[in-house]
PDB file of N, CA and C in Angstrom:
ATOM      1  N   GLN A   1      24.645 135.888 100.489  1.00  0.00           N
ATOM      2  CA  GLN A   1      26.172 135.575 100.120  1.00  0.00           C
ATOM      3  C   GLN A   1      27.201 136.805  99.454  1.00  0.00           C
ATOM      4  N   TYR A   2      26.022 137.997  99.508  1.00  0.00           N
ATOM      5  CA  TYR A   2      26.752 139.524  99.090  1.00  0.00           C
ATOM      6  C   TYR A   2      26.809 140.305 100.492  1.00  0.00           C
ATOM      7  N   GLY A   3      26.238 140.308 101.628  1.00  0.00           N
ATOM      8  CA  GLY A   3      26.336 140.830 102.287  1.00  0.00           C
ATOM      9  C   GLY A   3      25.374 141.854 102.094  1.00  0.00           C
ATOM     10  N   VAL A   4      24.778 142.214 101.336  1.00  0.00           N
ATOM     11  CA  VAL A   4      23.175 143.593 101.479  1.00  0.00           C
ATOM     12  C   VAL A   4      22.287 143.165 101.827  1.00  0.00           C
ATOM     13  N   ARG A   5      22.776 144.624 102.560  1.00  0.00           N
ATOM     14  CA  ARG A   5      21.190 145.243 103.799  1.00  0.00           C
ATOM     15  C   ARG A   5      20.761 145.568 103.497  1.00  0.00           C
ATOM     16  N   ILE A   6      20.820 145.961 102.277  1.00  0.00           N
ATOM     17  CA  ILE A   6      19.143 147.602 101.893  1.00  0.00           C
ATOM     18  C   ILE A   6      19.564 147.548 100.378  1.00  0.00           C
ATOM     19  N   VAL A   7      18.738 147.073  99.951  1.00  0.00           N
ATOM     20  CA  VAL A   7      17.867 146.572  98.346  1.00  0.00           C
ATOM     21  C   VAL A   7      17.787 148.649  97.665  1.00  0.00           C
ATOM     22  N   ILE A   8      17.716 148.846  96.888  1.00  0.00           N
ATOM     23  CA  ILE A   8      16.413 150.403  96.650  1.00  0.00           C
ATOM     24  C   ILE A   8      16.341 149.949  94.823  1.00  0.00           C
ATOM     25  N   GLY A   9      15.090 150.226  94.901  1.00  0.00           N
ATOM     26  CA  GLY A   9      14.441 150.207  93.627  1.00  0.00           C
ATOM     27  C   GLY A   9      12.741 150.543  93.543  1.00  0.00           C
ATOM     28  N   LYS A  10      12.068 150.201  92.797  1.00  0.00           N
ATOM     29  CA  LYS A  10      10.343 151.512  92.420  1.00  0.00           C
ATOM     30  C   LYS A  10       9.712 149.362  92.295  1.00  0.00           C
ATOM     31  N   GLY A  11      10.181 148.673  92.114  1.00  0.00           N
ATOM     32  CA  GLY A  11       8.853 147.801  92.036  1.00  0.00           C
ATOM     33  C   GLY A  11       8.722 146.632  92.668  1.00  0.00           C
ATOM     34  N   GLY A  12      10.020 145.865  93.286  1.00  0.00           N
ATOM     35  CA  GLY A  12       9.309 145.039  95.237  1.00  0.00           C
ATOM     36  C   GLY A  12      10.222 144.199  94.242  1.00  0.00           C
ATOM     37  N   LEU A  13      10.174 142.916  96.047  1.00  0.00           N
ATOM     38  CA  LEU A  13      11.334 142.041  95.198  1.00  0.00           C
ATOM     39  C   LEU A  13       9.859 141.110  95.842  1.00  0.00           C
ATOM     40  N   GLY A  14      10.487 139.798  95.530  1.00  0.00           N
ATOM     41  CA  GLY A  14       9.232 138.360  96.022  1.00  0.00           C
ATOM     42  C   GLY A  14       8.994 138.043  97.014  1.00  0.00           C
ATOM     43  N   ALA A  15       8.608 136.861  97.958  1.00  0.00           N
ATOM     44  CA  ALA A  15       8.082 136.446  98.767  1.00  0.00           C
ATOM     45  C   ALA A  15       9.845 136.236  99.213  1.00  0.00           C
ATOM     46  N   ASP A  16      10.241 135.512  98.483  1.00  0.00           N
ATOM     47  CA  ASP A  16      11.552 135.526  99.138  1.00  0.00           C
ATOM     48  C   ASP A  16      12.835 136.165  99.628  1.00  0.00           C
ATOM     49  N   SER A  17      12.803 137.223  99.454  1.00  0.00           N
ATOM     50  CA  SER A  17      13.509 138.217  99.022  1.00  0.00           C
ATOM     51  C   SER A  17      12.936 139.076 100.881  1.00  0.00           C
ATOM     52  N   LEU A  18      11.504 138.707 100.759  1.00  0.00           N
ATOM     53  CA  LEU A  18      11.213 139.306 102.073  1.00  0.00           C
ATOM     54  C   LEU A  18      12.074 138.105 102.911  1.00  0.00           C
ATOM     55  N   ALA A  19      11.326 137.325 102.751  1.00  0.00           N
ATOM     56  CA  ALA A  19      12.105 135.870 103.825  1.00  0.00           C
ATOM     57  C   ALA A  19      13.460 136.810 104.332  1.00  0.00           C
ATOM     58  N   ALA A  20      14.170 136.536 102.584  1.00  0.00           N
ATOM     59  CA  ALA A  20      15.884 137.260 103.299  1.00  0.00           C
ATOM     60  C   ALA A  20      15.645 137.911 104.437  1.00  0.00           C
ATOM     61  N   PHE A  21      14.692 139.412 104.247  1.00  0.00           N
ATOM     62  CA  PHE A  21      15.456 140.341 105.033  1.00  0.00           C
ATOM     63  C   PHE A  21      14.792 139.957 106.301  1.00  0.00           C
ATOM     64  N   THR A  22      14.161 139.620 106.738  1.00  0.00           N
ATOM     65  CA  THR A  22      13.275 139.371 108.067  1.00  0.00           C
ATOM     66  C   THR A  22      13.801 137.885 108.399  1.00  0.00           C
ATOM     67  N   ASP A  23      14.635 136.929 108.078  1.00  0.00           N
ATOM     68  CA  ASP A  23      15.969 136.701 108.563  1.00  0.00           C
ATOM     69  C   ASP A  23      17.320 137.053 109.176  1.00  0.00           C
ATOM     70  N   LEU A  24      17.873 137.756 107.730  1.00  0.00           N
ATOM     71  CA  LEU A  24      19.263 138.646 107.465  1.00  0.00           C
ATOM     72  C   LEU A  24      19.047 139.626 107.824  1.00  0.00           C
ATOM     73  N   GLY A  25      18.250 140.229 108.261  1.00  0.00           N
ATOM     74  CA  GLY A  25      17.671 142.372 108.394  1.00  0.00           C
ATOM     75  C   GLY A  25      18.682 142.974 107.609  1.00  0.00           C
ATOM     76  N   GLY A  26      17.464 142.776 106.926  1.00  0.00           N
ATOM     77  CA  GLY A  26      17.541 143.636 105.144  1.00  0.00           C
ATOM     78  C   GLY A  26      16.227 144.354 104.884  1.00  0.00           C
ATOM     79  N   VAL A  27      16.559 145.925 104.496  1.00  0.00           N
ATOM     80  CA  VAL A  27      15.299 146.333 103.867  1.00  0.00           C
ATOM     81  C   VAL A  27      15.086 146.562 102.534  1.00  0.00           C
ATOM     82  N   TYR A  28      14.089 147.197 101.622  1.00  0.00           N
ATOM     83  CA  TYR A  28      13.693 147.451 100.311  1.00  0.00           C
ATOM     84  C   TYR A  28      13.502 148.378 100.664  1.00  0.00           C
ATOM     85  N   LEU A  29      13.961 149.863  99.741  1.00  0.00           N
ATOM     86  CA  LEU A  29      13.413 150.850  99.986  1.00  0.00           C
ATOM     87  C   LEU A  29      13.507 151.267  98.120  1.00  0.00           C
ATOM     88  N   ALA A  30      11.844 151.870  98.251  1.00  0.00           N
ATOM     89  CA  ALA A  30      11.478 152.251  97.653  1.00  0.00           C
ATOM     90  C   ALA A  30      12.026 153.992  96.657  1.00  0.00           C
ATOM     91  N   ILE A  31      11.633 153.585  95.427  1.00  0.00           N
ATOM     92  CA  ILE A  31      12.003 155.177  94.266  1.00  0.00           C
ATOM     93  C   ILE A  31      10.587 155.750  94.113  1.00  0.00           C
ATOM     94  N   VAL A  32      10.872 156.857  94.550  1.00  0.00           N
ATOM     95  CA  VAL A  32       9.269 157.077  93.468  1.00  0.00           C
ATOM     96  C   VAL A  32       9.424 156.823  91.538  1.00  0.00           C
ATOM     97  N   GLY A  33       8.296 156.165  91.265  1.00  0.00           N
ATOM     98  CA  GLY A  33       8.091 155.839  90.132  1.00  0.00           C
ATOM     99  C   GLY A  33       8.384 157.122  89.227  1.00  0.00           C
ATOM    100  N   GLY A  34       8.830 157.294  88.374  1.00  0.00           N
ATOM    101  CA  GLY A  34       9.049 158.546  87.055  1.00  0.00           C
ATOM    102  C   GLY A  34      10.510 158.656  87.250  1.00  0.00           C
ATOM    103  N   THR A  35      10.834 158.912  88.408  1.00  0.00           N
ATOM    104  CA  THR A  35      11.953 159.677  89.026  1.00  0.00           C
ATOM    105  C   THR A  35      13.671 159.968  88.132  1.00  0.00           C
ATOM    106  N   ALA A  36      13.154 158.952  87.280  1.00  0.00           N
ATOM    107  CA  ALA A  36      14.762 158.308  86.798  1.00  0.00           C
ATOM    108  C   ALA A  36      16.041 159.642  86.294  1.00  0.00           C
ATOM    109  N   ALA A  37      15.427 160.738  85.544  1.00  0.00           N
ATOM    110  CA  ALA A  37      16.537 161.867  85.340  1.00  0.00           C
ATOM    111  C   ALA A  37      16.494 162.282  86.567  1.00  0.00           C
ATOM    112  N   LEU A  38      15.727 162.682  87.530  1.00  0.00           N
ATOM    113  CA  LEU A  38      16.421 163.538  89.104  1.00  0.00           C
ATOM    114  C   LEU A  38      17.154 162.224  89.406  1.00  0.00           C
ATOM    115  N   GLU A  39      17.043 161.217  89.916  1.00  0.00           N
ATOM    116  CA  GLU A  39      18.384 160.247  90.415  1.00  0.00           C
ATOM    117  C   GLU A  39      19.618 159.996  89.247  1.00  0.00           C
ATOM    118  N   THR A  40      19.412 160.075  88.187  1.00  0.00           N
ATOM    119  CA  THR A  40      20.788 159.731  87.998  1.00  0.00           C
ATOM    120  C   THR A  40      21.792 160.928  88.197  1.00  0.00           C
ATOM    121  N   THR A  41      21.195 162.368  88.675  1.00  0.00           N
ATOM    122  CA  THR A  41      22.415 163.509  89.017  1.00  0.00           C
ATOM    123  C   THR A  41      22.197 163.009  90.559  1.00  0.00           C
ATOM    124  N   TRP A  42      22.170 162.105  90.957  1.00  0.00           N
ATOM    125  CA  TRP A  42      22.978 162.304  92.708  1.00  0.00           C
ATOM    126  C   TRP A  42      23.633 161.259  92.657  1.00  0.00           C
ATOM    127  N   ILE A  43      24.612 160.375  91.936  1.00  0.00           N
ATOM    128  CA  ILE A  43      25.041 159.314  91.148  1.00  0.00           C
ATOM    129  C   ILE A  43      26.519 160.035  90.792  1.00  0.00           C
ATOM    130  N   GLU A  44      27.393 160.559  91.594  1.00  0.00           N
ATOM    131  CA  GLU A  44      29.285 159.924  91.297  1.00  0.00           C
ATOM    132  C   GLU A  44      29.648 159.793  90.672  1.00  0.00           C
ATOM    133  N   ALA A  45      29.570 158.228  90.436  1.00  0.00           N
ATOM    134  CA  ALA A  45      30.659 157.104  89.985  1.00  0.00           C
ATOM    135  C   ALA A  45      29.843 156.217  90.170  1.00  0.00           C
ATOM    136  N   ILE A  46      30.282 155.156  88.719  1.00  0.00           N
ATOM    137  CA  ILE A  46      30.034 153.595  89.439  1.00  0.00           C
ATOM    138  C   ILE A  46      30.871 152.633  89.509  1.00  0.00           C
ATOM    139  N   GLU A  47      30.830 152.311  91.138  1.00  0.00           N
ATOM    140  CA  GLU A  47      32.354 151.486  91.471  1.00  0.00           C
ATOM    141  C   GLU A  47      31.648 149.992  90.837  1.00  0.00           C
ATOM    142  N   ASP A  48      31.266 149.704  90.174  1.00  0.00           N
ATOM    143  CA  ASP A  48      31.416 148.310  90.274  1.00  0.00           C
ATOM    144  C   ASP A  48      29.485 147.164  89.534  1.00  0.00           C
ATOM    145  N   VAL A  49      29.757 146.487  88.695  1.00  0.00           N
ATOM    146  CA  VAL A  49      28.259 145.775  88.743  1.00  0.00           C
ATOM    147  C   VAL A  49      28.581 144.628  88.305  1.00  0.00           C
ATOM    148  N   ASP A  50      27.937 143.957  88.821  1.00  0.00           N
ATOM    149  CA  ASP A  50      27.246 142.844  89.420  1.00  0.00           C
ATOM    150  C   ASP A  50      26.642 141.828  88.191  1.00  0.00           C
ATOM    151  N   LEU A  51      26.538 141.241  87.543  1.00  0.00           N
ATOM    152  CA  LEU A  51      25.383 139.952  86.966  1.00  0.00           C
ATOM    153  C   LEU A  51      25.208 141.079  86.119  1.00  0.00           C
ATOM    154  N   ASP A  52      26.668 141.524  84.871  1.00  0.00           N
ATOM    155  CA  ASP A  52      26.475 142.690  84.301  1.00  0.00           C
ATOM    156  C   ASP A  52      25.756 141.395  82.557  1.00  0.00           C
ATOM    157  N   ASP A  53      25.306 140.302  82.624  1.00  0.00           N
ATOM    158  CA  ASP A  53      24.830 139.551  81.855  1.00  0.00           C
ATOM    159  C   ASP A  53      23.031 140.051  81.974  1.00  0.00           C
ATOM    160  N   LEU A  54      22.701 140.682  82.938  1.00  0.00           N
ATOM    161  CA  LEU A  54      21.817 140.552  82.943  1.00  0.00           C
ATOM    162  C   LEU A  54      20.862 141.670  82.533  1.00  0.00           C
ATOM    163  N   ASN A  55      21.320 142.829  82.067  1.00  0.00           N
ATOM    164  CA  ASN A  55      21.778 144.364  82.024  1.00  0.00           C
ATOM    165  C   ASN A  55      20.724 145.016  82.528  1.00  0.00           C
ATOM    166  N   PRO A  56      19.217 145.494  82.401  1.00  0.00           N
ATOM    167  CA  PRO A  56      18.748 146.336  82.793  1.00  0.00           C
ATOM    168  C   PRO A  56      18.658 145.959  84.804  1.00  0.00           C
ATOM    169  N   GLU A  57      19.063 144.372  84.898  1.00  0.00           N
ATOM    170  CA  GLU A  57      18.577 144.148  86.213  1.00  0.00           C
ATOM    171  C   GLU A  57      19.943 143.689  86.936  1.00  0.00           C
ATOM    172  N   SER A  58      21.540 144.056  86.285  1.00  0.00           N
ATOM    173  CA  SER A  58      21.542 143.683  86.998  1.00  0.00           C
ATOM    174  C   SER A  58      22.357 144.690  88.425  1.00  0.00           C
ATOM    175  N   LEU A  59      22.818 144.020  89.005  1.00  0.00           N
ATOM    176  CA  LEU A  59      23.392 144.713  90.366  1.00  0.00           C
ATOM    177  C   LEU A  59      24.504 146.132  90.030  1.00  0.00           C
ATOM    178  N   TRP A  60      24.289 146.614  90.433  1.00  0.00           N
ATOM    179  CA  TRP A  60      24.880 148.086  90.254  1.00  0.00           C
ATOM    180  C   TRP A  60      25.400 148.445  91.652  1.00  0.00           C
ATOM    181  N   GLN A  61      26.718 149.156  91.702  1.00  0.00           N
ATOM    182  CA  GLN A  61      27.251 149.957  93.033  1.00  0.00           C
ATOM    183  C   GLN A  61      27.449 150.963  92.539  1.00  0.00           C
ATOM    184  N   PHE A  62      26.748 152.665  92.709  1.00  0.00           N
ATOM    185  CA  PHE A  62      27.022 153.234  92.454  1.00  0.00           C
ATOM    186  C   PHE A  62      27.344 155.205  94.138  1.00  0.00           C
ATOM    187  N   ARG A  63      28.163 155.145  93.696  1.00  0.00           N
ATOM    188  CA  ARG A  63      28.639 156.232  94.624  1.00  0.00           C
ATOM    189  C   ARG A  63      27.965 157.339  94.542  1.00  0.00           C
ATOM    190  N   ILE A  64      27.146 158.023  95.671  1.00  0.00           N
ATOM    191  CA  ILE A  64      25.985 158.710  95.415  1.00  0.00           C
ATOM    192  C   ILE A  64      26.434 159.618  96.573  1.00  0.00           C
ATOM    193  N   ARG A  65      25.550 161.322  96.446  1.00  0.00           N
ATOM    194  CA  ARG A  65      25.439 161.925  96.993  1.00  0.00           C
ATOM    195  C   ARG A  65      23.727 162.712  96.912  1.00  0.00           C
ATOM    196  N   GLY A  66      23.513 162.859  97.972  1.00  0.00           N
ATOM    197  CA  GLY A  66      22.381 163.426  98.648  1.00  0.00           C
ATOM    198  C   GLY A  66      20.822 162.418  97.732  1.00  0.00           C
ATOM    199  N   PHE A  67      21.198 161.739  97.860  1.00  0.00           N
ATOM    200  CA  PHE A  67      19.763 160.309  97.361  1.00  0.00           C
ATOM    201  C   PHE A  67      18.948 161.104  98.560  1.00  0.00           C
ATOM    202  N   GLY A  68      17.161 160.459  97.715  1.00  0.00           N
ATOM    203  CA  GLY A  68      16.128 160.152  98.331  1.00  0.00           C
ATOM    204  C   GLY A  68      14.916 161.579  98.012  1.00  0.00           C
ATOM    205  N   PRO A  69      14.635 161.608  98.969  1.00  0.00           N
ATOM    206  CA  PRO A  69      14.127 160.990  99.915  1.00  0.00           C
ATOM    207  C   PRO A  69      13.690 159.283  99.531  1.00  0.00           C
ATOM    208  N   LEU A  70      13.424 158.189 100.081  1.00  0.00           N
ATOM    209  CA  LEU A  70      13.185 156.271 100.067  1.00  0.00           C
ATOM    210  C   LEU A  70      12.260 156.691 101.094  1.00  0.00           C
ATOM    211  N   LEU A  71      11.535 155.054 100.673  1.00  0.00           N
ATOM    212  CA  LEU A  71      10.541 155.042 101.373  1.00  0.00           C
ATOM    213  C   LEU A  71      10.808 153.342 101.644  1.00  0.00           C
ATOM    214  N   VAL A  72      10.384 152.657 102.425  1.00  0.00           N
ATOM    215  CA  VAL A  72      11.038 151.971 103.383  1.00  0.00           C
ATOM    216  C   VAL A  72       9.877 150.662 103.251  1.00  0.00           C
ATOM    217  N   ALA A  73      10.357 150.396 101.879  1.00  0.00           N
ATOM    218  CA  ALA A  73       8.759 149.719 101.184  1.00  0.00           C
ATOM    219  C   ALA A  73       8.442 147.827 101.705  1.00  0.00           C
ATOM    220  N   MET A  74       9.504 147.269 102.305  1.00  0.00           N
ATOM    221  CA  MET A  74       9.786 145.670 102.755  1.00  0.00           C
ATOM    222  C   MET A  74      10.421 146.693 103.572  1.00  0.00           C
ATOM    223  N   ASP A  75      10.640 145.198 104.790  1.00  0.00           N
ATOM    224  CA  ASP A  75      11.661 145.635 106.314  1.00  0.00           C
ATOM    225  C   ASP A  75      11.343 144.487 106.799  1.00  0.00           C
ATOM    226  N   SER A  76      12.815 144.079 107.243  1.00  0.00           N
ATOM    227  CA  SER A  76      13.472 143.333 108.187  1.00  0.00           C
ATOM    228  C   SER A  76      12.623 142.502 109.848  1.00  0.00           C
ATOM    229  N   HIS A  77      10.847 143.484 109.226  1.00  0.00           N
ATOM    230  CA  HIS A  77       9.951 142.307 110.297  1.00  0.00           C
ATOM    231  C   HIS A  77       8.585 141.979 109.421  1.00  0.00           C
ATOM    232  N   GLY A  78       9.469 141.563 108.228  1.00  0.00           N
ATOM    233  CA  GLY A  78       8.486 140.923 107.372  1.00  0.00           C
ATOM    234  C   GLY A  78       7.162 141.499 107.040  1.00  0.00           C
ATOM    235  N   GLN A  79       7.197 143.400 106.894  1.00  0.00           N
ATOM    236  CA  GLN A  79       6.160 143.766 106.092  1.00  0.00           C
ATOM    237  C   GLN A  79       6.255 143.871 104.790  1.00  0.00           C
ATOM    238  N   SER A  80       5.372 143.513 104.329  1.00  0.00           N
ATOM    239  CA  SER A  80       5.562 144.938 102.506  1.00  0.00           C
ATOM    240  C   SER A  80       4.296 146.125 102.551  1.00  0.00           C
ATOM    241  N   LEU A  81       4.389 146.742 101.851  1.00  0.00           N
ATOM    242  CA  LEU A  81       4.280 147.906 101.461  1.00  0.00           C
ATOM    243  C   LEU A  81       3.474 147.432 100.308  1.00  0.00           C
ATOM    244  N   TYR A  82       3.709 146.765  98.979  1.00  0.00           N
ATOM    245  CA  TYR A  82       3.558 146.226  98.806  1.00  0.00           C
ATOM    246  C   TYR A  82       2.276 144.904  98.362  1.00  0.00           C
ATOM    247  N   ALA A  83       2.740 144.690  99.525  1.00  0.00           N
ATOM    248  CA  ALA A  83       1.561 143.002  99.768  1.00  0.00           C
ATOM    249  C   ALA A  83       0.052 144.173 100.576  1.00  0.00           C
ATOM    250  N   ARG A  84       0.507 144.444 101.029  1.00  0.00           N
ATOM    251  CA  ARG A  84      -0.915 145.258 101.865  1.00  0.00           C
ATOM    252  C   ARG A  84      -0.954 146.474 101.064  1.00  0.00           C
ATOM    253  N   VAL A  85      -1.210 146.877 100.349  1.00  0.00           N
ATOM    254  CA  VAL A  85      -1.700 147.403  98.776  1.00  0.00           C
ATOM    255  C   VAL A  85      -2.410 146.454  98.483  1.00  0.00           C
ATOM    256  N   ASP A  86      -1.437 145.902  97.492  1.00  0.00           N
ATOM    257  CA  ASP A  86      -2.474 144.394  97.101  1.00  0.00           C
ATOM    258  C   ASP A  86      -3.589 144.102  97.168  1.00  0.00           C
ATOM    259  N   ASN A  87      -3.479 143.523  98.632  1.00  0.00           N
ATOM    260  CA  ASN A  87      -4.068 142.954  99.548  1.00  0.00           C
ATOM    261  C   ASN A  87      -5.970 144.241  99.904  1.00  0.00           C
ATOM    262  N   ALA A  88      -5.423 145.422 100.379  1.00  0.00           N
ATOM    263  CA  ALA A  88      -6.448 146.142 100.412  1.00  0.00           C
ATOM    264  C   ALA A  88      -7.036 146.344  98.783  1.00  0.00           C
ATOM    265  N   ALA A  89      -6.467 146.659  97.652  1.00  0.00           N
ATOM    266  CA  ALA A  89      -7.339 146.450  95.770  1.00  0.00           C
ATOM    267  C   ALA A  89      -7.729 145.754  96.226  1.00  0.00           C
ATOM    268  N   ARG A  90      -7.791 144.313  96.209  1.00  0.00           N
ATOM    269  CA  ARG A  90      -8.507 142.913  95.763  1.00  0.00           C
ATOM    270  C   ARG A  90      -9.647 142.916  96.834  1.00  0.00           C
ATOM    271  N   ASP A  91      -9.230 143.420  98.307  1.00  0.00           N
ATOM    272  CA  ASP A  91     -10.395 143.334  99.422  1.00  0.00           C
ATOM    273  C   ASP A  91     -11.771 144.378  98.071  1.00  0.00           C
ATOM    274  N   LYS A  92     -10.844 145.591  98.673  1.00  0.00           N
ATOM    275  CA  LYS A  92     -11.796 146.682  97.069  1.00  0.00           C
ATOM    276  C   LYS A  92     -12.389 146.200  96.208  1.00  0.00           C
ATOM    277  N   ARG A  93     -11.935 145.313  95.094  1.00  0.00           N
ATOM    278  CA  ARG A  93     -12.412 144.959  93.740  1.00  0.00           C
ATOM    279  C   ARG A  93     -13.518 143.877  94.752  1.00  0.00           C
ATOM    280  N   ALA A  94     -12.926 142.930  95.288  1.00  0.00           N
ATOM    281  CA  ALA A  94     -14.300 142.681  95.538  1.00  0.00           C
ATOM    282  C   ALA A  94     -15.475 142.856  96.611  1.00  0.00           C
ATOM    283  N   ALA A  95     -15.016 144.347  96.667  1.00  0.00           N
ATOM    284  CA  ALA A  95     -16.164 144.584  98.026  1.00  0.00           C
ATOM    285  C   ALA A  95     -16.881 144.990  96.432  1.00  0.00           C
ATOM    286  N   ALA A  96     -16.692 145.934  95.857  1.00  0.00           N
ATOM    287  CA  ALA A  96     -17.133 146.635  94.535  1.00  0.00           C
ATOM    288  C   ALA A  96     -18.221 145.570  93.656  1.00  0.00           C
ATOM    289  N   LEU A  97     -17.086 143.889  93.044  1.00  0.00           N
ATOM    290  CA  LEU A  97     -18.074 143.478  92.679  1.00  0.00           C
ATOM    291  C   LEU A  97     -19.253 143.168  93.134  1.00  0.00           C
ATOM    292  N   ALA A  98     -18.873 142.204  94.330  1.00  0.00           N
ATOM    293  CA  ALA A  98     -20.138 142.225  95.611  1.00  0.00           C
ATOM    294  C   ALA A  98     -21.874 143.427  95.381  1.00  0.00           C
ATOM    295  N   VAL A  99     -21.312 144.803  95.313  1.00  0.00           N
ATOM    296  CA  VAL A  99     -22.725 145.632  95.386  1.00  0.00           C
ATOM    297  C   VAL A  99     -22.634 145.040  93.476  1.00  0.00           C
ATOM    298  N   MET A 100     -22.376 145.051  92.973  1.00  0.00           N
ATOM    299  CA  MET A 100     -22.217 144.376  90.937  1.00  0.00           C
ATOM    300  C   MET A 100     -23.567 143.177  91.208  1.00  0.00           C
ATOM    301  N   GLY A 101     -22.789 142.247  92.374  1.00  0.00           N
ATOM    302  CA  GLY A 101     -24.117 141.690  91.931  1.00  0.00           C
ATOM    303  C   GLY A 101     -22.773 140.119  90.938  1.00  0.00           C
ATOM    304  N   VAL A 102     -21.666 140.800  91.201  1.00  0.00           N
ATOM    305  CA  VAL A 102     -20.657 139.656  89.960  1.00  0.00           C
ATOM    306  C   VAL A 102     -20.516 138.478  90.933  1.00  0.00           C
ATOM    307  N   LYS A 103     -20.084 137.464  91.116  1.00  0.00           N
ATOM    308  CA  LYS A 103     -19.542 136.217  91.992  1.00  0.00           C
ATOM    309  C   LYS A 103     -17.530 136.169  91.543  1.00  0.00           C
ATOM    310  N   SER A 104     -16.798 136.730  92.490  1.00  0.00           N
ATOM    311  CA  SER A 104     -15.619 136.363  92.055  1.00  0.00           C
ATOM    312  C   SER A 104     -14.750 135.152  93.150  1.00  0.00           C
TER     313      SER A 104
END
């Protein structure tokens, strides 16, 4: 609807967004959590705000300089770093519980 190809955030997005990135050729770029004070120094101006009634979840358009580094966390090939980490954590949890004799 808006023609957005890049979304920047720190918490990831859901499966529907990942499917849209695959269909439309977009990516989700992750910022390192806990660096908000540093990130604000890169903002030169606020260009626009959409969905401003959503408060912190609003879509902000900034003019920035020197932004990054960023991590491609979800891509147009359907890959999600968040899903890979979640799956690996679940596998390790299941293995640890099995060693302790706990059925999951």
